[in-house]
Amino acid sequence: MLASGAASFSAYSGTMRGWLAPTAEPEGANTMTDEMGNLVTIRDIDVPFWRIVMILVKWSIASIPAMIILMLPASLIAAIVGVILAAIGVHVPTPPTPTP
């Protein structure tokens, strides 16, 4: 347990090696303490497997409109670049068609 005002460590580690160096808390950071002012660490969150599966299904369904929205500007930029390249005479070679 860390004393009040002591440095906290990232990645569940109490070591001070490499990227596990102490993390400084920004001003106004929300630290969890109990009634007596001791720092509190959450060690486990119990989430049922099927609840996680449902969250992932919802994320995958929500990603479909997001990908459509992202593809619209990308296709517009590709079309503009294609028109510019065609206007200056750049020819993009096409692969030969196979003969039967």
C-alpha atoms as a PDB file:
ATOM      1  CA  MET A   1       0.000   0.000   0.000  1.00  0.00           C
ATOM      2  CA  LEU A   2       1.371   3.386  -0.947  1.00  0.00           C
ATOM      3  CA  ALA A   3       1.571   6.119   1.625  1.00  0.00           C
ATOM      4  CA  SER A   4      -0.217   9.356   0.938  1.00  0.00           C
ATOM      5  CA  GLY A   5       1.840  11.484  -1.453  1.00  0.00           C
ATOM      6  CA  ALA A   6       4.010   8.549  -2.624  1.00  0.00           C
ATOM      7  CA  ALA A   7       4.583   7.982  -6.333  1.00  0.00           C
ATOM      8  CA  SER A   8       2.293   5.495  -8.027  1.00  0.00           C
ATOM      9  CA  PHE A   9       3.495   2.929 -10.575  1.00  0.00           C
ATOM     10  CA  SER A  10       1.926   2.006 -13.890  1.00  0.00           C
ATOM     11  CA  ALA A  11       1.181  -1.469 -15.283  1.00  0.00           C
ATOM     12  CA  TYR A  12       0.417  -3.071 -11.885  1.00  0.00           C
ATOM     13  CA  SER A  13       4.066  -2.920 -10.927  1.00  0.00           C
ATOM     14  CA  GLY A  14       5.898  -1.816  -7.841  1.00  0.00           C
ATOM     15  CA  THR A  15       9.246  -1.875  -9.631  1.00  0.00           C
ATOM     16  CA  MET A  16      11.077   1.125 -11.034  1.00  0.00           C
ATOM     17  CA  ARG A  17      12.527  -0.501 -14.171  1.00  0.00           C
ATOM     18  CA  GLY A  18      12.185   0.791 -17.746  1.00  0.00           C
ATOM     19  CA  TRP A  19       8.705   1.894 -18.746  1.00  0.00           C
ATOM     20  CA  LEU A  20       7.426   1.013 -15.294  1.00  0.00           C
ATOM     21  CA  ALA A  21       8.823   4.248 -13.879  1.00  0.00           C
ATOM     22  CA  PRO A  22       6.704   6.226 -11.421  1.00  0.00           C
ATOM     23  CA  THR A  23       3.824   8.113 -12.974  1.00  0.00           C
ATOM     24  CA  ALA A  24       3.200  11.665 -11.867  1.00  0.00           C
ATOM     25  CA  GLU A  25      -0.442  12.455 -11.323  1.00  0.00           C
ATOM     26  CA  PRO A  26      -1.635  15.671 -12.981  1.00  0.00           C
ATOM     27  CA  GLU A  27      -3.192  18.434 -10.944  1.00  0.00           C
ATOM     28  CA  GLY A  28      -6.780  17.611 -10.047  1.00  0.00           C
ATOM     29  CA  ALA A  29      -6.443  13.918 -10.927  1.00  0.00           C
ATOM     30  CA  ASN A  30      -9.134  11.669  -9.521  1.00  0.00           C
ATOM     31  CA  THR A  31      -7.466   9.240  -7.132  1.00  0.00           C
ATOM     32  CA  MET A  32      -9.472   6.587  -5.373  1.00  0.00           C
ATOM     33  CA  THR A  33      -9.286   6.626  -1.581  1.00  0.00           C
ATOM     34  CA  ASP A  34     -11.253   4.959   1.156  1.00  0.00           C
ATOM     35  CA  GLU A  35     -12.905   6.679   4.126  1.00  0.00           C
ATOM     36  CA  MET A  36      -9.604   7.011   6.012  1.00  0.00           C
ATOM     37  CA  GLY A  37      -7.715   8.570   3.088  1.00  0.00           C
ATOM     38  CA  ASN A  38      -5.782   5.440   2.063  1.00  0.00           C
ATOM     39  CA  LEU A  39      -5.177   4.891  -1.650  1.00  0.00           C
ATOM     40  CA  VAL A  40      -7.342   2.156  -3.146  1.00  0.00           C
ATOM     41  CA  THR A  41      -6.256  -0.176  -5.979  1.00  0.00           C
ATOM     42  CA  ILE A  42      -8.736  -2.115  -8.099  1.00  0.00           C
ATOM     43  CA  ARG A  43      -7.241  -5.563  -8.651  1.00  0.00           C
ATOM     44  CA  ASP A  44     -10.039  -7.394 -10.451  1.00  0.00           C
ATOM     45  CA  ILE A  45     -13.176  -6.628 -12.405  1.00  0.00           C
ATOM     46  CA  ASP A  46     -15.529  -9.567 -12.835  1.00  0.00           C
ATOM     47  CA  VAL A  47     -17.359  -9.289 -16.172  1.00  0.00           C
ATOM     48  CA  PRO A  48     -19.236 -12.312 -17.517  1.00  0.00           C
ATOM     49  CA  PHE A  49     -17.929 -13.740 -20.807  1.00  0.00           C
ATOM     50  CA  TRP A  50     -21.193 -13.293 -22.732  1.00  0.00           C
ATOM     51  CA  ARG A  51     -21.434  -9.660 -21.645  1.00  0.00           C
ATOM     52  CA  ILE A  52     -18.018  -9.026 -23.213  1.00  0.00           C
ATOM     53  CA  VAL A  53     -19.142 -10.877 -26.361  1.00  0.00           C
ATOM     54  CA  MET A  54     -22.217  -8.621 -26.594  1.00  0.00           C
ATOM     55  CA  ILE A  55     -20.065  -5.499 -26.194  1.00  0.00           C
ATOM     56  CA  LEU A  56     -17.777  -6.672 -29.014  1.00  0.00           C
ATOM     57  CA  VAL A  57     -20.777  -7.438 -31.252  1.00  0.00           C
ATOM     58  CA  LYS A  58     -22.153  -3.943 -30.616  1.00  0.00           C
ATOM     59  CA  TRP A  59     -18.752  -2.405 -31.427  1.00  0.00           C
ATOM     60  CA  SER A  60     -18.506  -4.358 -34.669  1.00  0.00           C
ATOM     61  CA  ILE A  61     -22.010  -3.292 -35.718  1.00  0.00           C
ATOM     62  CA  ALA A  62     -21.228   0.326 -34.804  1.00  0.00           C
ATOM     63  CA  SER A  63     -18.048   0.198 -36.900  1.00  0.00           C
ATOM     64  CA  ILE A  64     -20.000  -0.353 -40.137  1.00  0.00           C
ATOM     65  CA  PRO A  65     -21.400   3.206 -40.413  1.00  0.00           C
ATOM     66  CA  ALA A  66     -18.075   4.570 -39.179  1.00  0.00           C
ATOM     67  CA  MET A  67     -16.231   2.803 -42.012  1.00  0.00           C
ATOM     68  CA  ILE A  68     -18.774   4.109 -44.539  1.00  0.00           C
ATOM     69  CA  ILE A  69     -18.242   7.636 -43.253  1.00  0.00           C
ATOM     70  CA  LEU A  70     -14.450   7.228 -43.457  1.00  0.00           C
ATOM     71  CA  MET A  71     -14.560   5.706 -46.950  1.00  0.00           C
ATOM     72  CA  LEU A  72     -16.512   8.625 -48.451  1.00  0.00           C
ATOM     73  CA  PRO A  73     -13.679  11.195 -48.092  1.00  0.00           C
ATOM     74  CA  ALA A  74     -11.076   8.563 -49.018  1.00  0.00           C
ATOM     75  CA  SER A  75     -12.875   7.692 -52.261  1.00  0.00           C
ATOM     76  CA  LEU A  76     -13.392  11.382 -53.028  1.00  0.00           C
ATOM     77  CA  ILE A  77      -9.661  12.056 -52.591  1.00  0.00           C
ATOM     78  CA  ALA A  78      -8.791   9.023 -54.758  1.00  0.00           C
ATOM     79  CA  ALA A  79     -11.149  10.232 -57.486  1.00  0.00           C
ATOM     80  CA  ILE A  80      -9.653  13.733 -57.410  1.00  0.00           C
ATOM     81  CA  VAL A  81      -6.112  12.349 -57.596  1.00  0.00           C
ATOM     82  CA  GLY A  82      -7.170  10.075 -60.489  1.00  0.00           C
ATOM     83  CA  VAL A  83      -8.671  13.001 -62.411  1.00  0.00           C
ATOM     84  CA  ILE A  84      -5.552  15.107 -61.840  1.00  0.00           C
ATOM     85  CA  LEU A  85      -3.253  12.284 -62.967  1.00  0.00           C
ATOM     86  CA  ALA A  86      -5.404  11.655 -66.053  1.00  0.00           C
ATOM     87  CA  ALA A  87      -5.394  15.395 -66.861  1.00  0.00           C
ATOM     88  CA  ILE A  88      -1.594  15.559 -66.865  1.00  0.00           C
ATOM     89  CA  GLY A  89      -1.316  12.391 -68.941  1.00  0.00           C
ATOM     90  CA  VAL A  90      -0.119   9.846 -66.399  1.00  0.00           C
ATOM     91  CA  HIS A  91      -1.223   6.398 -67.507  1.00  0.00           C
ATOM     92  CA  VAL A  92      -1.628   3.697 -64.878  1.00  0.00           C
ATOM     93  CA  PRO A  93      -0.808   0.345 -66.479  1.00  0.00           C
ATOM     94  CA  THR A  94      -3.397  -2.376 -66.189  1.00  0.00           C
ATOM     95  CA  PRO A  95      -2.415  -6.015 -65.783  1.00  0.00           C
ATOM     96  CA  PRO A  96      -2.727  -8.136 -68.919  1.00  0.00           C
ATOM     97  CA  THR A  97      -5.808 -10.257 -69.191  1.00  0.00           C
ATOM     98  CA  PRO A  98      -5.114 -13.989 -69.098  1.00  0.00           C
ATOM     99  CA  THR A  99      -5.798 -15.940 -72.255  1.00  0.00           C
ATOM    100  CA  PRO A 100      -7.785 -19.149 -71.919  1.00  0.00           C
END
